[in-house]
Amino acid sequence: MTLTQLKYVIAIADTGSMNEAAKTLFISQPSLSLAIRDLETEIGVELFRRSNRGVVLTQEGTEFLGYARQVVEQYRLMESRYIEKENVKKKFGVSMQHYTFAVSAFVELVKQFGMDEYEFAARETKTHEIIEDVKNFKSEIGILYLNEFNGKVLTKLFKDNDLEFTPLFQCGVYVYMWKGHPLAGQEEISIDQLQEYPCLSFEQGTYNSFYFAEEVLSAYGYKRLIRVNDRATILNLMVGLNGYTLCSGIICESLNGSDYCAVKLKSEEMMTIGYLKRKGAAVSALGQKYLEEIAKYRDKNGI
């Protein structure tokens, strides 16, 4: 296995075509095909499935591609630093469920380190995509929650993908709504009191199983349910339709404004919010600092 072969794999995956990849690499298509066949024979894994319409990665190929990108990127950093004598920006990426505190912690991280020497990426996305991002080295850290309902399913999925979950804090369940909601002034709200109002849930796409839902009590038989794709839409529907969603209770007025509140749900349900990373991989200095910023929001809310 050579660095050149890894670059070939990346080029083919990015273009979806042997011919197009060969053009970008300035080699002949037969030479490229032979190099990939030699690599597949050496590692005993089929990386691509070939057809008249092009090539697509196999499941094993997708995993291999994640490692290949990491190796090539690290080599590029070393080459730029020690051969070309250039200062290359260090990268840090995090994928997260729709938690305002996770975004706010990211904001503080960027403010502290600046963007002159660092390249940052924040991906507020679906649960399954968080797992895929960390698995394929797209993000160093993933922020999500486990509870009694989804814990066994997701923990097995983490293990199957060579990932590990570390708890950050445990909290109860809160109803997130705008302050003009008829129930906003109560100290606690029961699930029955919410029946006449639309529950707002983040869409999970192809993986729309209850186990991948961002909101606890996902299997509950809601009388009114609206699925949305982004946090801005949820906030708008809270005001326009007196909708609500379920959350950790940690809210950040600095980002969402002061028009919203979190009221405790009458439930024994608990959620454990934590971070996902590659098994055995050390968390970088930026990653550690990011987790410290999240811990500040935990401490500020007395959790």
Protein backbone atom coordinates (compact mmCIF):
# COMPACT_ATOMS: atom_id res chain seq x y z
CA MET A 1 0.00 0.00 0.00
CA THR A 2 1.43 3.36 -1.03
CA LEU A 3 0.53 6.99 -0.51
CA THR A 4 0.00 7.27 -4.26
CA GLN A 5 -2.59 4.49 -4.17
CA LEU A 6 -4.42 6.29 -1.34
CA LYS A 7 -4.52 9.46 -3.44
CA TYR A 8 -5.92 7.40 -6.32
CA VAL A 9 -8.73 6.07 -4.12
CA ILE A 10 -9.63 9.60 -3.00
CA ALA A 11 -9.64 10.92 -6.58
CA ILE A 12 -11.93 8.13 -7.79
CA ALA A 13 -14.32 8.58 -4.87
CA ASP A 14 -14.48 12.35 -5.45
CA THR A 15 -15.12 12.10 -9.21
CA GLY A 16 -17.17 8.89 -9.28
CA SER A 17 -15.38 7.87 -12.47
CA MET A 18 -12.16 6.08 -13.36
CA ASN A 19 -11.79 8.17 -16.51
CA GLU A 20 -12.31 11.50 -14.76
CA ALA A 21 -10.00 10.52 -11.90
CA ALA A 22 -7.29 9.50 -14.38
CA LYS A 23 -7.54 12.92 -16.05
CA THR A 24 -7.15 14.78 -12.76
CA LEU A 25 -4.22 12.56 -11.80
CA PHE A 26 -2.57 12.86 -15.25
CA ILE A 27 -2.24 9.11 -15.70
CA SER A 28 -3.86 6.65 -18.08
CA GLN A 29 -7.12 4.97 -17.11
CA PRO A 30 -5.65 1.43 -17.48
CA SER A 31 -2.77 2.36 -15.15
CA LEU A 32 -5.21 3.72 -12.57
CA SER A 33 -7.41 0.63 -12.75
CA LEU A 34 -4.40 -1.64 -12.36
CA ALA A 35 -3.17 0.31 -9.31
CA ILE A 36 -6.58 0.00 -7.63
CA ARG A 37 -6.83 -3.73 -8.43
CA ASP A 38 -3.36 -4.26 -6.94
CA LEU A 39 -4.40 -2.37 -3.80
CA GLU A 40 -7.64 -4.35 -3.46
CA THR A 41 -5.71 -7.61 -3.86
CA GLU A 42 -3.16 -6.56 -1.25
CA ILE A 43 -5.69 -5.59 1.42
CA GLY A 44 -8.25 -8.25 0.49
CA VAL A 45 -11.10 -5.75 0.21
CA GLU A 46 -13.19 -4.61 -2.76
CA LEU A 47 -13.16 -0.80 -2.60
CA PHE A 48 -15.28 0.04 -5.65
CA ARG A 49 -18.11 -1.55 -7.58
CA ARG A 50 -17.78 -0.88 -11.29
CA SER A 51 -20.61 -0.46 -13.80
CA ASN A 52 -21.33 1.25 -17.11
CA ARG A 53 -22.45 4.33 -15.16
CA GLY A 54 -19.20 4.69 -13.22
CA VAL A 55 -17.88 3.46 -9.89
CA VAL A 56 -19.29 3.60 -6.37
CA LEU A 57 -17.68 2.86 -3.05
CA THR A 58 -18.53 -0.38 -1.28
CA GLN A 59 -19.29 -0.27 2.44
CA GLU A 60 -15.70 -1.38 3.14
CA GLY A 61 -14.48 1.18 0.62
CA THR A 62 -16.27 4.00 2.45
CA GLU A 63 -14.51 3.07 5.69
CA PHE A 64 -11.16 2.75 3.89
CA LEU A 65 -11.69 6.18 2.31
CA GLY A 66 -11.99 7.79 5.75
CA TYR A 67 -8.61 6.41 6.78
CA ALA A 68 -7.09 7.31 3.40
CA ARG A 69 -8.20 10.93 3.70
CA GLN A 70 -6.72 11.16 7.18
CA VAL A 71 -3.35 9.73 6.10
CA VAL A 72 -3.11 11.92 2.99
CA GLU A 73 -4.12 15.03 4.95
CA GLN A 74 -1.52 14.33 7.63
CA TYR A 75 1.12 13.83 4.95
CA ARG A 76 0.10 17.10 3.30
CA LEU A 77 0.48 18.92 6.61
CA MET A 78 3.95 17.43 7.18
CA GLU A 79 5.01 18.22 3.62
CA SER A 80 3.86 21.82 3.90
CA ARG A 81 5.46 22.29 7.30
CA TYR A 82 8.82 20.61 6.79
CA ILE A 83 9.45 20.64 3.02
CA GLU A 84 7.60 23.65 1.66
CA LYS A 85 8.06 25.54 4.95
CA GLU A 86 4.49 26.78 4.90
CA ASN A 87 2.21 27.37 7.85
CA VAL A 88 -0.85 25.19 7.24
CA LYS A 89 -4.01 25.73 9.25
CA LYS A 90 -4.88 23.05 11.77
CA LYS A 91 -8.40 21.66 11.45
CA PHE A 92 -11.12 20.94 13.99
CA GLY A 93 -14.63 19.75 13.19
CA VAL A 94 -17.58 18.81 15.38
CA SER A 95 -20.93 17.28 14.39
CA MET A 96 -23.83 17.76 16.76
CA GLN A 97 -27.50 17.33 17.36
CA HIS A 98 -29.40 20.62 17.55
CA TYR A 99 -28.10 21.84 20.91
CA THR A 100 -27.68 25.59 21.31
CA PHE A 101 -25.08 25.08 24.04
CA ALA A 102 -22.98 22.96 21.66
CA VAL A 103 -23.06 25.76 19.07
CA SER A 104 -22.33 28.39 21.72
CA ALA A 105 -19.33 26.39 22.97
CA PHE A 106 -18.08 26.25 19.39
CA VAL A 107 -18.44 30.03 19.10
CA GLU A 108 -16.32 30.51 22.23
CA LEU A 109 -13.70 28.11 20.89
CA VAL A 110 -13.37 30.04 17.63
CA LYS A 111 -13.19 33.36 19.50
CA GLN A 112 -10.36 32.09 21.68
CA PHE A 113 -8.23 30.48 18.98
CA GLY A 114 -9.12 32.68 16.01
CA MET A 115 -9.16 31.64 12.37
CA ASP A 116 -5.69 32.74 11.29
CA GLU A 117 -4.09 29.42 12.27
CA TYR A 118 -7.13 27.18 12.49
CA GLU A 119 -9.85 25.94 10.16
CA PHE A 120 -13.12 25.12 11.91
CA ALA A 121 -16.25 23.18 10.91
CA ALA A 122 -19.53 22.91 12.83
CA ARG A 123 -22.14 20.50 11.47
CA GLU A 124 -25.58 20.62 13.13
CA THR A 125 -27.09 17.52 11.58
CA LYS A 126 -28.99 14.24 11.87
CA THR A 127 -28.06 11.57 14.42
CA HIS A 128 -26.92 8.99 11.87
CA GLU A 129 -24.83 11.58 10.04
CA ILE A 130 -23.07 12.48 13.29
CA ILE A 131 -22.02 8.85 13.62
CA GLU A 132 -20.88 8.74 9.98
CA ASP A 133 -18.97 12.03 10.28
CA VAL A 134 -16.93 10.80 13.25
CA LYS A 135 -16.44 7.35 11.76
CA ASN A 136 -15.11 8.78 8.49
CA PHE A 137 -12.91 11.45 10.14
CA LYS A 138 -15.07 14.29 8.83
CA SER A 139 -15.47 15.47 12.43
CA GLU A 140 -13.25 14.76 15.41
CA ILE A 141 -16.13 14.85 17.90
CA GLY A 142 -19.86 14.19 17.78
CA ILE A 143 -22.31 15.55 20.37
CA LEU A 144 -25.50 13.55 21.02
CA TYR A 145 -27.52 11.94 23.79
CA LEU A 146 -28.34 8.47 25.06
CA ASN A 147 -31.17 7.36 27.30
CA GLU A 148 -32.76 4.12 28.44
CA PHE A 149 -34.76 3.86 25.21
CA ASN A 150 -32.08 4.35 22.55
CA GLY A 151 -29.01 3.41 24.58
CA LYS A 152 -28.67 -0.26 23.64
CA VAL A 153 -29.28 0.31 19.92
CA LEU A 154 -26.92 3.26 19.56
CA THR A 155 -24.22 1.78 21.79
CA LYS A 156 -24.13 -1.31 19.58
CA LEU A 157 -23.94 0.93 16.52
CA PHE A 158 -21.02 2.81 18.07
CA LYS A 159 -19.22 -0.45 18.77
CA ASP A 160 -19.82 -1.77 15.25
CA ASN A 161 -18.29 1.42 13.83
CA ASP A 162 -15.27 1.42 16.17
CA LEU A 163 -16.49 4.48 18.08
CA GLU A 164 -16.76 5.23 21.78
CA PHE A 165 -19.18 7.43 23.72
CA THR A 166 -18.12 9.43 26.79
CA PRO A 167 -20.81 11.03 29.00
CA LEU A 168 -20.56 14.75 29.71
CA PHE A 169 -23.60 15.22 31.94
CA GLN A 170 -27.02 13.79 32.77
CA CYS A 171 -30.17 15.90 32.84
CA GLY A 172 -33.93 15.72 32.98
CA VAL A 173 -36.30 16.61 30.17
CA TYR A 174 -37.60 20.12 29.54
CA VAL A 175 -40.26 21.58 27.29
CA TYR A 176 -38.77 24.27 25.04
CA MET A 177 -41.27 26.90 23.89
CA TRP A 178 -41.69 30.62 23.33
CA LYS A 179 -42.56 32.77 26.31
CA GLY A 180 -45.96 33.65 24.83
CA HIS A 181 -47.09 30.00 24.96
CA PRO A 182 -50.14 29.44 27.23
CA LEU A 183 -48.14 26.99 29.38
CA ALA A 184 -44.91 28.97 29.57
CA GLY A 185 -45.57 30.37 33.05
CA GLN A 186 -45.88 26.98 34.79
CA GLU A 187 -43.18 25.44 36.95
CA GLU A 188 -43.79 21.98 35.47
CA ILE A 189 -45.77 20.67 32.52
CA SER A 190 -47.23 17.18 32.06
CA ILE A 191 -47.22 15.43 28.70
CA ASP A 192 -51.02 15.39 28.80
CA GLN A 193 -51.13 19.19 28.98
CA LEU A 194 -49.18 19.33 25.72
CA GLN A 195 -51.61 17.21 23.70
CA GLU A 196 -53.37 20.17 22.03
CA TYR A 197 -50.11 21.75 20.89
CA PRO A 198 -47.86 20.55 18.04
CA CYS A 199 -44.73 18.70 19.04
CA LEU A 200 -41.81 19.79 16.84
CA SER A 201 -39.31 17.06 15.95
CA PHE A 202 -36.14 17.17 13.89
CA GLU A 203 -36.37 15.13 10.69
CA GLN A 204 -33.90 12.22 10.54
CA GLY A 205 -34.16 11.45 6.83
CA THR A 206 -33.65 7.83 5.77
CA TYR A 207 -32.83 6.87 9.36
CA ASN A 208 -36.10 8.14 10.82
CA SER A 209 -36.28 5.40 13.45
CA PHE A 210 -37.43 6.26 16.97
CA TYR A 211 -33.93 5.30 18.13
CA PHE A 212 -32.34 8.09 16.07
CA ALA A 213 -34.74 10.81 17.21
CA GLU A 214 -33.16 13.83 18.89
CA GLU A 215 -36.08 14.23 21.24
CA VAL A 216 -36.74 11.86 24.14
CA LEU A 217 -40.14 10.16 24.35
CA SER A 218 -39.88 9.69 20.58
CA ALA A 219 -42.16 6.64 20.64
CA TYR A 220 -44.94 8.50 22.42
CA GLY A 221 -48.19 8.74 20.46
CA TYR A 222 -48.33 12.50 19.88
CA LYS A 223 -51.69 13.86 18.80
CA ARG A 224 -50.02 16.59 16.74
CA LEU A 225 -46.49 16.20 15.34
CA ILE A 226 -44.54 18.34 12.87
CA ARG A 227 -41.13 17.30 11.54
CA VAL A 228 -38.66 20.02 10.57
CA ASN A 229 -35.11 20.20 9.24
CA ASP A 230 -33.53 23.13 11.06
CA ARG A 231 -33.55 25.02 14.34
CA ALA A 232 -34.67 28.34 12.84
CA THR A 233 -37.88 26.72 11.55
CA ILE A 234 -38.58 25.20 14.95
CA LEU A 235 -38.26 28.61 16.60
CA ASN A 236 -40.63 30.13 14.04
CA LEU A 237 -43.22 27.37 14.57
CA MET A 238 -43.02 27.83 18.33
CA VAL A 239 -44.22 31.39 17.86
CA GLY A 240 -46.59 30.84 14.95
CA LEU A 241 -48.28 27.64 16.15
CA ASN A 242 -47.51 27.50 19.89
CA GLY A 243 -45.38 24.48 19.11
CA TYR A 244 -42.84 22.97 21.46
CA THR A 245 -39.96 20.55 21.50
CA LEU A 246 -38.22 18.55 24.23
CA CYS A 247 -34.70 19.46 25.26
CA SER A 248 -32.00 19.29 27.94
CA GLY A 249 -33.05 22.55 29.56
CA ILE A 250 -29.76 24.27 28.71
CA ILE A 251 -30.65 27.24 26.55
CA CYS A 252 -28.48 30.11 25.31
CA GLU A 253 -30.19 33.48 25.01
CA SER A 254 -27.07 34.92 23.40
CA LEU A 255 -27.84 32.89 20.26
CA ASN A 256 -31.61 32.30 20.23
CA GLY A 257 -32.68 35.49 21.97
CA SER A 258 -34.73 35.99 25.11
CA ASP A 259 -38.14 35.11 23.67
CA TYR A 260 -37.91 31.41 24.56
CA CYS A 261 -37.91 29.38 27.76
CA ALA A 262 -37.49 25.82 29.04
CA VAL A 263 -40.03 24.40 31.51
CA LYS A 264 -39.47 21.11 33.37
CA LEU A 265 -41.48 18.17 32.03
CA LYS A 266 -43.20 16.03 34.66
CA SER A 267 -41.28 12.85 33.88
CA GLU A 268 -38.69 10.55 35.41
CA GLU A 269 -37.02 10.34 32.01
CA MET A 270 -33.31 11.19 31.98
CA MET A 271 -30.92 11.84 29.12
CA THR A 272 -27.13 11.50 29.08
CA ILE A 273 -25.44 13.97 26.77
CA GLY A 274 -21.90 13.09 25.73
CA TYR A 275 -19.38 13.05 22.95
CA LEU A 276 -18.51 10.48 20.34
CA LYS A 277 -15.00 9.88 18.99
CA ARG A 278 -12.95 7.26 17.21
CA LYS A 279 -12.07 4.40 19.56
CA GLY A 280 -8.53 4.73 20.87
CA ALA A 281 -8.02 8.17 19.29
CA ALA A 282 -6.76 10.95 21.54
CA VAL A 283 -8.82 14.13 21.70
CA SER A 284 -6.85 17.06 20.27
CA ALA A 285 -6.06 20.23 22.22
CA LEU A 286 -8.87 22.01 20.35
CA GLY A 287 -11.23 19.14 21.11
CA GLN A 288 -10.37 19.26 24.80
CA LYS A 289 -10.95 22.99 24.89
CA TYR A 290 -14.30 22.57 23.15
CA LEU A 291 -15.41 20.01 25.73
CA GLU A 292 -14.31 22.38 28.50
CA GLU A 293 -16.53 25.09 27.02
CA ILE A 294 -19.50 22.71 27.04
CA ALA A 295 -18.75 21.87 30.68
CA LYS A 296 -19.10 25.57 31.53
CA TYR A 297 -22.71 25.52 30.33
CA ARG A 298 -23.32 22.37 32.37
CA ASP A 299 -21.91 24.03 35.50
CA LYS A 300 -23.75 27.29 34.85
CA ASN A 301 -27.04 25.40 34.82
CA GLY A 302 -26.18 23.45 37.96
CA ILE A 303 -26.29 20.02 36.29
